[in-house]
Structures are given as C-alpha cells and as structure tokens.
C-alpha cells in the first residue's frame, strides 16, 4: 500500500472516530503499528463492536468483513465495516445475526414509525 493510501485511510479512521464522538462516544483511532494497543480495530470506543474502516472506490465488502471477523474473534466483539467512497456518506455493514442482536435491544413498541 502506498503512502497516500495509508494517509487516506488514517484520515478516514479519524473521520469515523469524530463522527462517533459526535454521537457521545469516546472514540479514537487506534495505533495499529506493531500491535501497540492489542486491539486490531481501526477505531475504538464502541464497547462490543470491532470497527474496520475502508475508504475506497472499489468495494470488496466480503473481504473486508472477513478481515473484521478474523480480527474481532480474539475479543469476541461484533465485527462492523464502516466504509465509503469519495463524496459519499459512510455506510455500515454487519452480519445479519449481529445486527439482529443490536436491533432486539430496542423496544419495538417505542419506535416512532411503528403504528398499532
């Protein structure tokens, strides 16, 4: 990977950390060189979630998810891939079972779009 690609990746990791911080979480980019944190996540601060960040024009979502699954296995966190291409918003990809685990935490009766 070239220096410009690494720098683009670092900027995006800081962007994701800042966005999550805006939601009230104490998130930051991890220092991954030489495994200094012991956490292979790109961004830390969401308990129980392993964050893999990708800012690319060509998507390889299954490859990225495989990396997140592999890297999250040691801690048992839910893998999530945060990704975007230039001039687009960030999207998040998770496995269905993990997403349903999160969704079930919400009381469906209190969601504003549910009508009786």
Protein backbone atom coordinates (compact mmCIF):
# COMPACT_ATOMS: atom_id res chain seq x y z
CA UNK A 1 0.00 0.00 0.00
CA UNK A 2 1.37 3.41 -0.93
CA UNK A 3 1.90 6.31 1.45
CA UNK A 4 -1.01 8.30 0.00
CA UNK A 5 -3.39 5.35 0.51
CA UNK A 6 -2.22 4.90 4.10
CA UNK A 7 -2.73 8.61 4.78
CA UNK A 8 -6.22 8.48 3.21
CA UNK A 9 -7.05 5.52 5.46
CA UNK A 10 -5.79 7.32 8.57
CA UNK A 11 -7.85 10.41 7.71
CA UNK A 12 -10.96 8.28 7.28
CA UNK A 13 -10.38 6.48 10.58
CA UNK A 14 -10.14 9.88 12.31
CA UNK A 15 -13.31 10.98 10.47
CA UNK A 16 -15.22 7.92 11.72
CA UNK A 17 -13.91 8.41 15.27
CA UNK A 18 -15.00 12.06 15.19
CA UNK A 19 -18.46 11.15 13.87
CA UNK A 20 -18.96 8.57 16.62
CA UNK A 21 -17.71 11.10 19.17
CA UNK A 22 -20.40 13.49 17.93
CA UNK A 23 -22.92 10.83 18.99
CA UNK A 24 -21.48 10.94 22.51
CA UNK A 25 -18.99 8.05 22.46
CA UNK A 26 -15.36 8.45 23.47
CA UNK A 27 -13.92 7.09 20.22
CA UNK A 28 -10.46 7.38 18.78
CA UNK A 29 -8.29 5.89 16.09
CA UNK A 30 -6.14 3.05 17.38
CA UNK A 31 -2.40 2.89 16.86
CA UNK A 32 -2.09 -0.37 14.96
CA UNK A 33 1.56 -0.43 14.11
CA UNK A 34 3.29 -3.31 15.91
CA UNK A 35 0.06 -4.13 17.72
CA UNK A 36 0.64 -1.42 20.33
CA UNK A 37 -2.93 -1.43 21.61
CA UNK A 38 -3.56 -5.16 21.43
CA UNK A 39 -6.72 -4.23 19.53
CA UNK A 40 -6.78 -4.65 15.75
CA UNK A 41 -9.85 -2.44 15.45
CA UNK A 42 -9.35 0.72 13.36
CA UNK A 43 -11.42 2.80 15.79
CA UNK A 44 -12.06 2.02 19.43
CA UNK A 45 -14.67 3.33 21.81
CA UNK A 46 -17.87 1.45 20.94
CA UNK A 47 -17.96 -1.34 23.53
CA UNK A 48 -18.53 -4.76 21.99
CA UNK A 49 -18.04 -3.59 18.39
CA UNK A 50 -14.94 -4.16 16.28
CA UNK A 51 -14.69 -1.37 13.68
CA UNK A 52 -12.95 -1.88 10.36
CA UNK A 53 -12.75 1.35 8.28
CA UNK A 54 -12.43 1.40 4.49
CA UNK A 55 -12.38 4.48 2.25
CA UNK A 56 -12.18 3.02 -1.27
CA UNK A 57 -13.70 3.49 -4.67
CA UNK A 58 -13.94 -0.24 -5.35
CA UNK A 59 -15.79 -2.29 -2.77
CA UNK A 60 -14.66 -5.70 -1.59
CA UNK A 61 -17.16 -5.91 1.25
CA UNK A 62 -16.86 -9.68 1.79
CA UNK A 63 -13.07 -9.42 2.00
CA UNK A 64 -13.36 -6.52 4.43
CA UNK A 65 -15.92 -8.36 6.55
CA UNK A 66 -13.70 -11.46 6.61
CA UNK A 67 -10.88 -9.29 7.94
CA UNK A 68 -13.17 -7.77 10.60
CA UNK A 69 -14.45 -11.21 11.63
CA UNK A 70 -10.91 -12.56 11.90
CA UNK A 71 -9.62 -9.55 13.83
CA UNK A 72 -12.60 -9.44 16.21
CA UNK A 73 -12.54 -13.14 17.11
CA UNK A 74 -9.96 -12.79 19.90
CA UNK A 75 -12.07 -10.34 21.91
CA UNK A 76 -15.47 -11.65 20.82
CA UNK A 77 -16.67 -8.25 19.59
CA UNK A 78 -19.26 -7.85 16.82
CA UNK A 79 -17.47 -7.03 13.55
CA UNK A 80 -18.68 -3.99 11.63
CA UNK A 81 -17.25 -2.44 8.48
CA UNK A 82 -17.60 1.33 8.15
CA UNK A 83 -17.00 2.33 4.54
CA UNK A 84 -17.50 5.00 1.94
CA UNK A 85 -16.22 6.15 -1.41
CA UNK A 86 -15.32 9.72 -2.30
CA UNK A 87 -18.12 12.29 -1.97
CA UNK A 88 -20.50 9.74 -0.42
CA UNK A 89 -21.80 9.15 3.08
CA UNK A 90 -20.46 6.46 5.38
CA UNK A 91 -22.32 3.16 5.43
CA UNK A 92 -22.00 0.33 7.94
CA UNK A 93 -22.07 -3.38 7.11
CA UNK A 94 -22.72 -6.09 9.71
CA UNK A 95 -23.68 -9.74 9.67
CA UNK A 96 -27.44 -10.26 9.95
CA UNK A 97 -27.20 -12.13 13.28
CA UNK A 98 -25.13 -9.32 14.82
CA UNK A 99 -27.48 -6.65 13.51
CA UNK A 100 -30.49 -8.54 14.91
CA UNK A 101 -28.75 -8.76 18.29
CA UNK A 102 -28.48 -4.98 18.31
CA UNK A 103 -31.98 -4.45 16.98
CA UNK A 104 -33.58 -6.69 19.59
CA UNK A 105 -32.21 -4.38 22.27
CA UNK A 106 -34.71 -1.78 21.16
CA UNK A 107 -38.31 -1.93 22.30
CA UNK A 108 -40.18 -2.10 19.00
CA UNK A 109 -43.24 -0.52 20.60
CA UNK A 110 -41.36 2.70 21.31
CA UNK A 111 -40.02 3.26 17.81
CA UNK A 112 -41.79 6.24 16.18
CA UNK A 113 -42.55 4.51 12.87
CA UNK A 114 -44.45 1.59 14.43
CA UNK A 115 -48.21 2.04 14.48
CA UNK A 116 -50.74 -0.16 16.20
